[in-house]
Amino acid sequence: GGATNYLESVKDRFTISRDNAKNTMYLQMNSLKPEDTAVYYCYAGGPT
């Protein structure tokens, strides 16, 4: 339905969005910090 939530440490810096026509999801990450270093995975919940 479009509601979002965020890890507290990234709130106000990261923004999740989607473009349904392009079947694409995005994560805009601003003001990045060394502690943001990680492997990032996209996820969708469905039948599996």
ModelCIF file with pLDDT and N, C-alpha, C, O atoms, coordinates in Angstrom:
data_MODEL
#
_entry.id   MODEL 
#
_entity.id                         1 
_entity.type                       polymer 
_entity.pdbx_number_of_molecules   1 
#
_entity_poly.entity_id                      1 
_entity_poly.type                           'polypeptide(L)' 
_entity_poly.nstd_linkage                   no 
_entity_poly.nstd_monomer                   no 
_entity_poly.pdbx_seq_one_letter_code       GGATNYLESVKDRFTISRDNAKNTMYLQMNSLKPEDTAVYYCYAGGPT 
_entity_poly.pdbx_seq_one_letter_code_can   GGATNYLESVKDRFTISRDNAKNTMYLQMNSLKPEDTAVYYCYAGGPT 
_entity_poly.pdbx_strand_id                 A 
#
loop_
_entity_poly_seq.entity_id 
_entity_poly_seq.num 
_entity_poly_seq.mon_id 
_entity_poly_seq.hetero 
1 1  GLY n 
1 2  GLY n 
1 3  ALA n 
1 4  THR n 
1 5  ASN n 
1 6  TYR n 
1 7  LEU n 
1 8  GLU n 
1 9  SER n 
1 10 VAL n 
1 11 LYS n 
1 12 ASP n 
1 13 ARG n 
1 14 PHE n 
1 15 THR n 
1 16 ILE n 
1 17 SER n 
1 18 ARG n 
1 19 ASP n 
1 20 ASN n 
1 21 ALA n 
1 22 LYS n 
1 23 ASN n 
1 24 THR n 
1 25 MET n 
1 26 TYR n 
1 27 LEU n 
1 28 GLN n 
1 29 MET n 
1 30 ASN n 
1 31 SER n 
1 32 LEU n 
1 33 LYS n 
1 34 PRO n 
1 35 GLU n 
1 36 ASP n 
1 37 THR n 
1 38 ALA n 
1 39 VAL n 
1 40 TYR n 
1 41 TYR n 
1 42 CYS n 
1 43 TYR n 
1 44 ALA n 
1 45 GLY n 
1 46 GLY n 
1 47 PRO n 
1 48 THR n 
#
_struct_asym.id          A 
_struct_asym.entity_id   1 
#
loop_
_ma_qa_metric.id 
_ma_qa_metric.mode 
_ma_qa_metric.name 
_ma_qa_metric.software_group_id 
_ma_qa_metric.type 
1 global pLDDT . pLDDT 
2 local  pLDDT . pLDDT 
#
_ma_qa_metric_global.metric_id      1 
_ma_qa_metric_global.metric_value   94.73 
_ma_qa_metric_global.model_id       1 
_ma_qa_metric_global.ordinal_id     1 
#
loop_
_ma_qa_metric_local.label_asym_id 
_ma_qa_metric_local.label_comp_id 
_ma_qa_metric_local.label_seq_id 
_ma_qa_metric_local.metric_id 
_ma_qa_metric_local.metric_value 
_ma_qa_metric_local.model_id 
_ma_qa_metric_local.ordinal_id 
A GLY 1  2 86.00 1 1  
A GLY 2  2 88.00 1 2  
A ALA 3  2 94.00 1 3  
A THR 4  2 96.00 1 4  
A ASN 5  2 96.00 1 5  
A TYR 6  2 98.00 1 6  
A LEU 7  2 98.00 1 7  
A GLU 8  2 98.00 1 8  
A SER 9  2 97.00 1 9  
A VAL 10 2 98.00 1 10 
A LYS 11 2 96.00 1 11 
A ASP 12 2 96.00 1 12 
A ARG 13 2 98.00 1 13 
A PHE 14 2 98.00 1 14 
A THR 15 2 98.00 1 15 
A ILE 16 2 97.00 1 16 
A SER 17 2 95.00 1 17 
A ARG 18 2 93.00 1 18 
A ASP 19 2 92.00 1 19 
A ASN 20 2 87.00 1 20 
A ALA 21 2 90.00 1 21 
A LYS 22 2 93.00 1 22 
A ASN 23 2 92.00 1 23 
A THR 24 2 94.00 1 24 
A MET 25 2 94.00 1 25 
A TYR 26 2 97.00 1 26 
A LEU 27 2 98.00 1 27 
A GLN 28 2 98.00 1 28 
A MET 29 2 98.00 1 29 
A ASN 30 2 98.00 1 30 
A SER 31 2 98.00 1 31 
A LEU 32 2 98.00 1 32 
A LYS 33 2 98.00 1 33 
A PRO 34 2 97.00 1 34 
A GLU 35 2 97.00 1 35 
A ASP 36 2 98.00 1 36 
A THR 37 2 98.00 1 37 
A ALA 38 2 98.00 1 38 
A VAL 39 2 98.00 1 39 
A TYR 40 2 98.00 1 40 
A TYR 41 2 98.00 1 41 
A CYS 42 2 96.00 1 42 
A TYR 43 2 95.00 1 43 
A ALA 44 2 92.00 1 44 
A GLY 45 2 88.00 1 45 
A GLY 46 2 80.00 1 46 
A PRO 47 2 82.00 1 47 
A THR 48 2 87.00 1 48 
#
loop_
_atom_site.group_PDB 
_atom_site.id 
_atom_site.type_symbol 
_atom_site.label_atom_id 
_atom_site.label_alt_id 
_atom_site.label_comp_id 
_atom_site.label_asym_id 
_atom_site.label_entity_id 
_atom_site.label_seq_id 
_atom_site.pdbx_PDB_ins_code 
_atom_site.Cartn_x 
_atom_site.Cartn_y 
_atom_site.Cartn_z 
_atom_site.occupancy 
_atom_site.B_iso_or_equiv 
_atom_site.pdbx_formal_charge 
_atom_site.auth_seq_id 
_atom_site.auth_comp_id 
_atom_site.auth_asym_id 
_atom_site.auth_atom_id 
_atom_site.pdbx_PDB_model_num 
ATOM 1   N N  . GLY A 1 1  ? 0.784  -1.220  0.000   1.00 86.00 ? 1  GLY A N  1 
ATOM 2   C CA . GLY A 1 1  ? 0.000  0.000   0.000   1.00 86.00 ? 1  GLY A CA 1 
ATOM 3   C C  . GLY A 1 1  ? 0.819  1.275   0.000   1.00 86.00 ? 1  GLY A C  1 
ATOM 4   O O  . GLY A 1 1  ? 0.260  2.364   -0.130  1.00 86.00 ? 1  GLY A O  1 
ATOM 5   N N  . GLY A 1 2  ? 2.141  1.164   0.143   1.00 88.00 ? 2  GLY A N  1 
ATOM 6   C CA . GLY A 1 2  ? 3.015  2.315   0.088   1.00 88.00 ? 2  GLY A CA 1 
ATOM 7   C C  . GLY A 1 2  ? 3.594  2.774   1.411   1.00 88.00 ? 2  GLY A C  1 
ATOM 8   O O  . GLY A 1 2  ? 4.485  3.623   1.423   1.00 88.00 ? 2  GLY A O  1 
ATOM 9   N N  . ALA A 1 3  ? 3.120  2.246   2.518   1.00 94.00 ? 3  ALA A N  1 
ATOM 10  C CA . ALA A 1 3  ? 3.682  2.608   3.812   1.00 94.00 ? 3  ALA A CA 1 
ATOM 11  C C  . ALA A 1 3  ? 5.133  2.148   3.901   1.00 94.00 ? 3  ALA A C  1 
ATOM 12  O O  . ALA A 1 3  ? 5.501  1.119   3.334   1.00 94.00 ? 3  ALA A O  1 
ATOM 13  N N  . THR A 1 4  ? 5.953  2.913   4.614   1.00 96.00 ? 4  THR A N  1 
ATOM 14  C CA . THR A 1 4  ? 7.371  2.601   4.746   1.00 96.00 ? 4  THR A CA 1 
ATOM 15  C C  . THR A 1 4  ? 7.804  2.636   6.198   1.00 96.00 ? 4  THR A C  1 
ATOM 16  O O  . THR A 1 4  ? 7.167  3.278   7.034   1.00 96.00 ? 4  THR A O  1 
ATOM 17  N N  . ASN A 1 5  ? 8.885  1.946   6.490   1.00 96.00 ? 5  ASN A N  1 
ATOM 18  C CA . ASN A 1 5  ? 9.583  2.143   7.744   1.00 96.00 ? 5  ASN A CA 1 
ATOM 19  C C  . ASN A 1 5  ? 11.072 1.912   7.531   1.00 96.00 ? 5  ASN A C  1 
ATOM 20  O O  . ASN A 1 5  ? 11.488 1.306   6.543   1.00 96.00 ? 5  ASN A O  1 
ATOM 21  N N  . TYR A 1 6  ? 11.871 2.407   8.481   1.00 98.00 ? 6  TYR A N  1 
ATOM 22  C CA . TYR A 1 6  ? 13.318 2.443   8.331   1.00 98.00 ? 6  TYR A CA 1 
ATOM 23  C C  . TYR A 1 6  ? 14.015 2.049   9.619   1.00 98.00 ? 6  TYR A C  1 
ATOM 24  O O  . TYR A 1 6  ? 13.505 2.258   10.720  1.00 98.00 ? 6  TYR A O  1 
ATOM 25  N N  . LEU A 1 7  ? 15.190 1.476   9.449   1.00 98.00 ? 7  LEU A N  1 
ATOM 26  C CA . LEU A 1 7  ? 16.097 1.321   10.568  1.00 98.00 ? 7  LEU A CA 1 
ATOM 27  C C  . LEU A 1 7  ? 16.381 2.703   11.158  1.00 98.00 ? 7  LEU A C  1 
ATOM 28  O O  . LEU A 1 7  ? 16.612 3.657   10.414  1.00 98.00 ? 7  LEU A O  1 
ATOM 29  N N  . GLU A 1 8  ? 16.368 2.817   12.464  1.00 98.00 ? 8  GLU A N  1 
ATOM 30  C CA . GLU A 1 8  ? 16.511 4.119   13.104  1.00 98.00 ? 8  GLU A CA 1 
ATOM 31  C C  . GLU A 1 8  ? 17.784 4.841   12.668  1.00 98.00 ? 8  GLU A C  1 
ATOM 32  O O  . GLU A 1 8  ? 17.766 6.058   12.483  1.00 98.00 ? 8  GLU A O  1 
ATOM 33  N N  . SER A 1 9  ? 18.865 4.127   12.507  1.00 97.00 ? 9  SER A N  1 
ATOM 34  C CA . SER A 1 9  ? 20.137 4.757   12.188  1.00 97.00 ? 9  SER A CA 1 
ATOM 35  C C  . SER A 1 9  ? 20.206 5.303   10.762  1.00 97.00 ? 9  SER A C  1 
ATOM 36  O O  . SER A 1 9  ? 21.115 6.073   10.452  1.00 97.00 ? 9  SER A O  1 
ATOM 37  N N  . VAL A 1 10 ? 19.276 4.927   9.894   1.00 98.00 ? 10 VAL A N  1 
ATOM 38  C CA . VAL A 1 10 ? 19.262 5.443   8.525   1.00 98.00 ? 10 VAL A CA 1 
ATOM 39  C C  . VAL A 1 10 ? 18.081 6.359   8.256   1.00 98.00 ? 10 VAL A C  1 
ATOM 40  O O  . VAL A 1 10 ? 17.994 6.963   7.187   1.00 98.00 ? 10 VAL A O  1 
ATOM 41  N N  . LYS A 1 11 ? 17.193 6.464   9.194   1.00 96.00 ? 11 LYS A N  1 
ATOM 42  C CA . LYS A 1 11 ? 16.032 7.341   9.038   1.00 96.00 ? 11 LYS A CA 1 
ATOM 43  C C  . LYS A 1 11 ? 16.514 8.766   8.739   1.00 96.00 ? 11 LYS A C  1 
ATOM 44  O O  . LYS A 1 11 ? 17.458 9.249   9.364   1.00 96.00 ? 11 LYS A O  1 
ATOM 45  N N  . ASP A 1 12 ? 15.877 9.417   7.805   1.00 96.00 ? 12 ASP A N  1 
ATOM 46  C CA . ASP A 1 12 ? 16.181 10.777  7.362   1.00 96.00 ? 12 ASP A CA 1 
ATOM 47  C C  . ASP A 1 12 ? 17.388 10.853  6.434   1.00 96.00 ? 12 ASP A C  1 
ATOM 48  O O  . ASP A 1 12 ? 17.700 11.926  5.918   1.00 96.00 ? 12 ASP A O  1 
ATOM 49  N N  . ARG A 1 13 ? 18.068 9.735   6.213   1.00 98.00 ? 13 ARG A N  1 
ATOM 50  C CA . ARG A 1 13 ? 19.171 9.693   5.261   1.00 98.00 ? 13 ARG A CA 1 
ATOM 51  C C  . ARG A 1 13 ? 18.865 8.815   4.054   1.00 98.00 ? 13 ARG A C  1 
ATOM 52  O O  . ARG A 1 13 ? 19.297 9.112   2.941   1.00 98.00 ? 13 ARG A O  1 
ATOM 53  N N  . PHE A 1 14 ? 18.121 7.734   4.273   1.00 98.00 ? 14 PHE A N  1 
ATOM 54  C CA . PHE A 1 14 ? 17.798 6.782   3.211   1.00 98.00 ? 14 PHE A CA 1 
ATOM 55  C C  . PHE A 1 14 ? 16.328 6.907   2.842   1.00 98.00 ? 14 PHE A C  1 
ATOM 56  O O  . PHE A 1 14 ? 15.491 7.232   3.684   1.00 98.00 ? 14 PHE A O  1 
ATOM 57  N N  . THR A 1 15 ? 16.020 6.643   1.566   1.00 98.00 ? 15 THR A N  1 
ATOM 58  C CA . THR A 1 15 ? 14.646 6.651   1.099   1.00 98.00 ? 15 THR A CA 1 
ATOM 59  C C  . THR A 1 15 ? 14.401 5.452   0.195   1.00 98.00 ? 15 THR A C  1 
ATOM 60  O O  . THR A 1 15 ? 15.120 5.244   -0.782  1.00 98.00 ? 15 THR A O  1 
ATOM 61  N N  . ILE A 1 16 ? 13.387 4.668   0.523   1.00 97.00 ? 16 ILE A N  1 
ATOM 62  C CA . ILE A 1 16 ? 12.995 3.550   -0.320  1.00 97.00 ? 16 ILE A CA 1 
ATOM 63  C C  . ILE A 1 16 ? 11.867 4.009   -1.241  1.00 97.00 ? 16 ILE A C  1 
ATOM 64  O O  . ILE A 1 16 ? 10.989 4.768   -0.832  1.00 97.00 ? 16 ILE A O  1 
ATOM 65  N N  . SER A 1 17 ? 11.902 3.545   -2.476  1.00 95.00 ? 17 SER A N  1 
ATOM 66  C CA . SER A 1 17 ? 10.866 3.896   -3.433  1.00 95.00 ? 17 SER A CA 1 
ATOM 67  C C  . SER A 1 17 ? 10.715 2.770   -4.445  1.00 95.00 ? 17 SER A C  1 
ATOM 68  O O  . SER A 1 17 ? 11.515 1.834   -4.470  1.00 95.00 ? 17 SER A O  1 
ATOM 69  N N  . ARG A 1 18 ? 9.699  2.864   -5.268  1.00 93.00 ? 18 ARG A N  1 
ATOM 70  C CA . ARG A 1 18 ? 9.489  1.861   -6.310  1.00 93.00 ? 18 ARG A CA 1 
ATOM 71  C C  . ARG A 1 18 ? 8.891  2.506   -7.543  1.00 93.00 ? 18 ARG A C  1 
ATOM 72  O O  . ARG A 1 18 ? 8.240  3.548   -7.470  1.00 93.00 ? 18 ARG A O  1 
ATOM 73  N N  . ASP A 1 19 ? 9.124  1.866   -8.679  1.00 92.00 ? 19 ASP A N  1 
ATOM 74  C CA . ASP A 1 19 ? 8.514  2.243   -9.937  1.00 92.00 ? 19 ASP A CA 1 
ATOM 75  C C  . ASP A 1 19 ? 7.859  0.976   -10.467 1.00 92.00 ? 19 ASP A C  1 
ATOM 76  O O  . ASP A 1 19 ? 8.527  0.120   -11.046 1.00 92.00 ? 19 ASP A O  1 
ATOM 77  N N  . ASN A 1 20 ? 6.567  0.862   -10.270 1.00 87.00 ? 20 ASN A N  1 
ATOM 78  C CA . ASN A 1 20 ? 5.879  -0.368  -10.643 1.00 87.00 ? 20 ASN A CA 1 
ATOM 79  C C  . ASN A 1 20 ? 5.933  -0.638  -12.145 1.00 87.00 ? 20 ASN A C  1 
ATOM 80  O O  . ASN A 1 20 ? 6.009  -1.793  -12.566 1.00 87.00 ? 20 ASN A O  1 
ATOM 81  N N  . ALA A 1 21 ? 5.894  0.414   -12.949 1.00 90.00 ? 21 ALA A N  1 
ATOM 82  C CA . ALA A 1 21 ? 5.934  0.241   -14.392 1.00 90.00 ? 21 ALA A CA 1 
ATOM 83  C C  . ALA A 1 21 ? 7.249  -0.363  -14.856 1.00 90.00 ? 21 ALA A C  1 
ATOM 84  O O  . ALA A 1 21 ? 7.289  -1.064  -15.867 1.00 90.00 ? 21 ALA A O  1 
ATOM 85  N N  . LYS A 1 22 ? 8.325  -0.096  -14.124 1.00 93.00 ? 22 LYS A N  1 
ATOM 86  C CA . LYS A 1 22 ? 9.643  -0.620  -14.461 1.00 93.00 ? 22 LYS A CA 1 
ATOM 87  C C  . LYS A 1 22 ? 10.019 -1.855  -13.652 1.00 93.00 ? 22 LYS A C  1 
ATOM 88  O O  . LYS A 1 22 ? 11.115 -2.391  -13.815 1.00 93.00 ? 22 LYS A O  1 
ATOM 89  N N  . ASN A 1 23 ? 9.130  -2.309  -12.791 1.00 92.00 ? 23 ASN A N  1 
ATOM 90  C CA . ASN A 1 23 ? 9.392  -3.466  -11.928 1.00 92.00 ? 23 ASN A CA 1 
ATOM 91  C C  . ASN A 1 23 ? 10.681 -3.274  -11.130 1.00 92.00 ? 23 ASN A C  1 
ATOM 92  O O  . ASN A 1 23 ? 11.471 -4.205  -10.978 1.00 92.00 ? 23 ASN A O  1 
ATOM 93  N N  . THR A 1 24 ? 10.881 -2.079  -10.631 1.00 94.00 ? 24 THR A N  1 
ATOM 94  C CA . THR A 1 24 ? 12.145 -1.732  -9.996  1.00 94.00 ? 24 THR A CA 1 
ATOM 95  C C  . THR A 1 24 ? 11.917 -1.045  -8.658  1.00 94.00 ? 24 THR A C  1 
ATOM 96  O O  . THR A 1 24 ? 11.019 -0.217  -8.503  1.00 94.00 ? 24 THR A O  1 
ATOM 97  N N  . MET A 1 25 ? 12.754 -1.413  -7.703  1.00 94.00 ? 25 MET A N  1 
ATOM 98  C CA . MET A 1 25 ? 12.764 -0.816  -6.383  1.00 94.00 ? 25 MET A CA 1 
ATOM 99  C C  . MET A 1 25 ? 14.098 -0.114  -6.190  1.00 94.00 ? 25 MET A C  1 
ATOM 100 O O  . MET A 1 25 ? 15.115 -0.547  -6.731  1.00 94.00 ? 25 MET A O  1 
ATOM 101 N N  . TYR A 1 26 ? 14.097 0.971   -5.419  1.00 97.00 ? 26 TYR A N  1 
ATOM 102 C CA . TYR A 1 26 ? 15.293 1.781   -5.228  1.00 97.00 ? 26 TYR A CA 1 
ATOM 103 C C  . TYR A 1 26 ? 15.550 2.033   -3.753  1.00 97.00 ? 26 TYR A C  1 
ATOM 104 O O  . TYR A 1 26 ? 14.640 2.005   -2.924  1.00 97.00 ? 26 TYR A O  1 
ATOM 105 N N  . LEU A 1 27 ? 16.800 2.277   -3.457  1.00 98.00 ? 27 LEU A N  1 
ATOM 106 C CA . LEU A 1 27 ? 17.180 2.788   -2.149  1.00 98.00 ? 27 LEU A CA 1 
ATOM 107 C C  . LEU A 1 27 ? 18.141 3.948   -2.367  1.00 98.00 ? 27 LEU A C  1 
ATOM 108 O O  . LEU A 1 27 ? 19.293 3.746   -2.750  1.00 98.00 ? 27 LEU A O  1 
ATOM 109 N N  . GLN A 1 28 ? 17.664 5.156   -2.124  1.00 98.00 ? 28 GLN A N  1 
ATOM 110 C CA . GLN A 1 28 ? 18.505 6.341   -2.187  1.00 98.00 ? 28 GLN A CA 1 
ATOM 111 C C  . GLN A 1 28 ? 19.189 6.512   -0.847  1.00 98.00 ? 28 GLN A C  1 
ATOM 112 O O  . GLN A 1 28 ? 18.525 6.587   0.187   1.00 98.00 ? 28 GLN A O  1 
ATOM 113 N N  . MET A 1 29 ? 20.504 6.574   -0.855  1.00 98.00 ? 29 MET A N  1 
ATOM 114 C CA . MET A 1 29 ? 21.290 6.661   0.367   1.00 98.00 ? 29 MET A CA 1 
ATOM 115 C C  . MET A 1 29 ? 22.098 7.946   0.332   1.00 98.00 ? 29 MET A C  1 
ATOM 116 O O  . MET A 1 29 ? 22.971 8.114   -0.520  1.00 98.00 ? 29 MET A O  1 
ATOM 117 N N  . ASN A 1 30 ? 21.812 8.843   1.248   1.00 98.00 ? 30 ASN A N  1 
ATOM 118 C CA . ASN A 1 30 ? 22.503 10.121  1.356   1.00 98.00 ? 30 ASN A CA 1 
ATOM 119 C C  . ASN A 1 30 ? 23.263 10.196  2.672   1.00 98.00 ? 30 ASN A C  1 
ATOM 120 O O  . ASN A 1 30 ? 23.007 9.428   3.599   1.00 98.00 ? 30 ASN A O  1 
ATOM 121 N N  . SER A 1 31 ? 24.195 11.126  2.735   1.00 98.00 ? 31 SER A N  1 
ATOM 122 C CA . SER A 1 31 ? 24.983 11.349  3.952   1.00 98.00 ? 31 SER A CA 1 
ATOM 123 C C  . SER A 1 31 ? 25.555 10.048  4.489   1.00 98.00 ? 31 SER A C  1 
ATOM 124 O O  . SER A 1 31 ? 25.443 9.749   5.678   1.00 98.00 ? 31 SER A O  1 
ATOM 125 N N  . LEU A 1 32 ? 26.161 9.289   3.611   1.00 98.00 ? 32 LEU A N  1 
ATOM 126 C CA . LEU A 1 32 ? 26.644 7.963   3.984   1.00 98.00 ? 32 LEU A CA 1 
ATOM 127 C C  . LEU A 1 32 ? 27.772 8.035   5.002   1.00 98.00 ? 32 LEU A C  1 
ATOM 128 O O  . LEU A 1 32 ? 28.599 8.946   4.993   1.00 98.00 ? 32 LEU A O  1 
ATOM 129 N N  . LYS A 1 33 ? 27.773 7.045   5.873   1.00 98.00 ? 33 LYS A N  1 
ATOM 130 C CA . LYS A 1 33 ? 28.740 6.938   6.954   1.00 98.00 ? 33 LYS A CA 1 
ATOM 131 C C  . LYS A 1 33 ? 29.505 5.626   6.826   1.00 98.00 ? 33 LYS A C  1 
ATOM 132 O O  . LYS A 1 33 ? 29.002 4.680   6.220   1.00 98.00 ? 33 LYS A O  1 
ATOM 133 N N  . PRO A 1 34 ? 30.705 5.552   7.383   1.00 97.00 ? 34 PRO A N  1 
ATOM 134 C CA . PRO A 1 34 ? 31.448 4.293   7.315   1.00 97.00 ? 34 PRO A CA 1 
ATOM 135 C C  . PRO A 1 34 ? 30.663 3.105   7.864   1.00 97.00 ? 34 PRO A C  1 
ATOM 136 O O  . PRO A 1 34 ? 30.810 1.990   7.364   1.00 97.00 ? 34 PRO A O  1 
ATOM 137 N N  . GLU A 1 35 ? 29.841 3.321   8.873   1.00 97.00 ? 35 GLU A N  1 
ATOM 138 C CA . GLU A 1 35 ? 29.066 2.231   9.438   1.00 97.00 ? 35 GLU A CA 1 
ATOM 139 C C  . GLU A 1 35 ? 27.954 1.735   8.522   1.00 97.00 ? 35 GLU A C  1 
ATOM 140 O O  . GLU A 1 35 ? 27.308 0.734   8.831   1.00 97.00 ? 35 GLU A O  1 
ATOM 141 N N  . ASP A 1 36 ? 27.717 2.413   7.405   1.00 98.00 ? 36 ASP A N  1 
ATOM 142 C CA . ASP A 1 36 ? 26.787 1.921   6.395   1.00 98.00 ? 36 ASP A CA 1 
ATOM 143 C C  . ASP A 1 36 ? 27.426 0.873   5.481   1.00 98.00 ? 36 ASP A C  1 
ATOM 144 O O  . ASP A 1 36 ? 26.737 0.263   4.665   1.00 98.00 ? 36 ASP A O  1 
ATOM 145 N N  . THR A 1 37 ? 28.710 0.667   5.610   1.00 98.00 ? 37 THR A N  1 
ATOM 146 C CA . THR A 1 37 ? 29.402 -0.317  4.789   1.00 98.00 ? 37 THR A CA 1 
ATOM 147 C C  . THR A 1 37 ? 28.827 -1.706  5.037   1.00 98.00 ? 37 THR A C  1 
ATOM 148 O O  . THR A 1 37 ? 28.779 -2.171  6.176   1.00 98.00 ? 37 THR A O  1 
ATOM 149 N N  . ALA A 1 38 ? 28.395 -2.360  3.975   1.00 98.00 ? 38 ALA A N  1 
ATOM 150 C CA . ALA A 1 38 ? 27.760 -3.668  4.088   1.00 98.00 ? 38 ALA A CA 1 
ATOM 151 C C  . ALA A 1 38 ? 27.445 -4.188  2.697   1.00 98.00 ? 38 ALA A C  1 
ATOM 152 O O  . ALA A 1 38 ? 27.581 -3.475  1.703   1.00 98.00 ? 38 ALA A O  1 
ATOM 153 N N  . VAL A 1 39 ? 27.024 -5.436  2.645   1.00 98.00 ? 39 VAL A N  1 
ATOM 154 C CA . VAL A 1 39 ? 26.390 -5.974  1.456   1.00 98.00 ? 39 VAL A CA 1 
ATOM 155 C C  . VAL A 1 39 ? 24.891 -5.745  1.596   1.00 98.00 ? 39 VAL A C  1 
ATOM 156 O O  . VAL A 1 39 ? 24.290 -6.106  2.608   1.00 98.00 ? 39 VAL A O  1 
ATOM 157 N N  . TYR A 1 40 ? 24.303 -5.150  0.588   1.00 98.00 ? 40 TYR A N  1 
ATOM 158 C CA . TYR A 1 40 ? 22.888 -4.816  0.605   1.00 98.00 ? 40 TYR A CA 1 
ATOM 159 C C  . TYR A 1 40 ? 22.113 -5.783  -0.280  1.00 98.00 ? 40 TYR A C  1 
ATOM 160 O O  . TYR A 1 40 ? 22.535 -6.107  -1.390  1.00 98.00 ? 40 TYR A O  1 
ATOM 161 N N  . TYR A 1 41 ? 20.968 -6.238  0.230   1.00 98.00 ? 41 TYR A N  1 
ATOM 162 C CA . TYR A 1 41 ? 20.134 -7.218  -0.452  1.00 98.00 ? 41 TYR A CA 1 
ATOM 163 C C  . TYR A 1 41 ? 18.726 -6.671  -0.615  1.00 98.00 ? 41 TYR A C  1 
ATOM 164 O O  . TYR A 1 41 ? 18.155 -6.131  0.332   1.00 98.00 ? 41 TYR A O  1 
ATOM 165 N N  . CYS A 1 42 ? 18.166 -6.807  -1.806  1.00 96.00 ? 42 CYS A N  1 
ATOM 166 C CA . CYS A 1 42 ? 16.750 -6.499  -1.954  1.00 96.00 ? 42 CYS A CA 1 
ATOM 167 C C  . CYS A 1 42 ? 15.928 -7.745  -1.673  1.00 96.00 ? 42 CYS A C  1 
ATOM 168 O O  . CYS A 1 42 ? 16.399 -8.872  -1.824  1.00 96.00 ? 42 CYS A O  1 
ATOM 169 N N  . TYR A 1 43 ? 14.702 -7.516  -1.265  1.00 95.00 ? 43 TYR A N  1 
ATOM 170 C CA . TYR A 1 43 ? 13.826 -8.573  -0.787  1.00 95.00 ? 43 TYR A CA 1 
ATOM 171 C C  . TYR A 1 43 ? 12.395 -8.275  -1.183  1.00 95.00 ? 43 TYR A C  1 
ATOM 172 O O  . TYR A 1 43 ? 11.981 -7.117  -1.226  1.00 95.00 ? 43 TYR A O  1 
ATOM 173 N N  . ALA A 1 44 ? 11.645 -9.322  -1.472  1.00 92.00 ? 44 ALA A N  1 
ATOM 174 C CA . ALA A 1 44 ? 10.204 -9.210  -1.612  1.00 92.00 ? 44 ALA A CA 1 
ATOM 175 C C  . ALA A 1 44 ? 9.552  -10.411 -0.956  1.00 92.00 ? 44 ALA A C  1 
ATOM 176 O O  . ALA A 1 44 ? 10.033 -11.538 -1.072  1.00 92.00 ? 44 ALA A O  1 
ATOM 177 N N  . GLY A 1 45 ? 8.456  -10.157 -0.268  1.00 88.00 ? 45 GLY A N  1 
ATOM 178 C CA . GLY A 1 45 ? 7.703  -11.212 0.375   1.00 88.00 ? 45 GLY A CA 1 
ATOM 179 C C  . GLY A 1 45 ? 6.488  -11.585 -0.440  1.00 88.00 ? 45 GLY A C  1 
ATOM 180 O O  . GLY A 1 45 ? 5.716  -10.717 -0.847  1.00 88.00 ? 45 GLY A O  1 
ATOM 181 N N  . GLY A 1 46 ? 6.318  -12.849 -0.677  1.00 80.00 ? 46 GLY A N  1 
ATOM 182 C CA . GLY A 1 46 ? 5.186  -13.354 -1.437  1.00 80.00 ? 46 GLY A CA 1 
ATOM 183 C C  . GLY A 1 46 ? 4.887  -14.775 -1.014  1.00 80.00 ? 46 GLY A C  1 
ATOM 184 O O  . GLY A 1 46 ? 5.014  -15.108 0.164   1.00 80.00 ? 46 GLY A O  1 
ATOM 185 N N  . PRO A 1 47 ? 4.490  -15.626 -1.958  1.00 82.00 ? 47 PRO A N  1 
ATOM 186 C CA . PRO A 1 47 ? 4.322  -17.040 -1.611  1.00 82.00 ? 47 PRO A CA 1 
ATOM 187 C C  . PRO A 1 47 ? 5.574  -17.636 -0.981  1.00 82.00 ? 47 PRO A C  1 
ATOM 188 O O  . PRO A 1 47 ? 5.485  -18.482 -0.091  1.00 82.00 ? 47 PRO A O  1 
ATOM 189 N N  . THR A 1 48 ? 6.733  -17.195 -1.440  1.00 87.00 ? 48 THR A N  1 
ATOM 190 C CA . THR A 1 48 ? 8.007  -17.471 -0.799  1.00 87.00 ? 48 THR A CA 1 
ATOM 191 C C  . THR A 1 48 ? 8.776  -16.158 -0.716  1.00 87.00 ? 48 THR A C  1 
ATOM 192 O O  . THR A 1 48 ? 9.897  -16.130 -0.208  1.00 87.00 ? 48 THR A O  1 
#
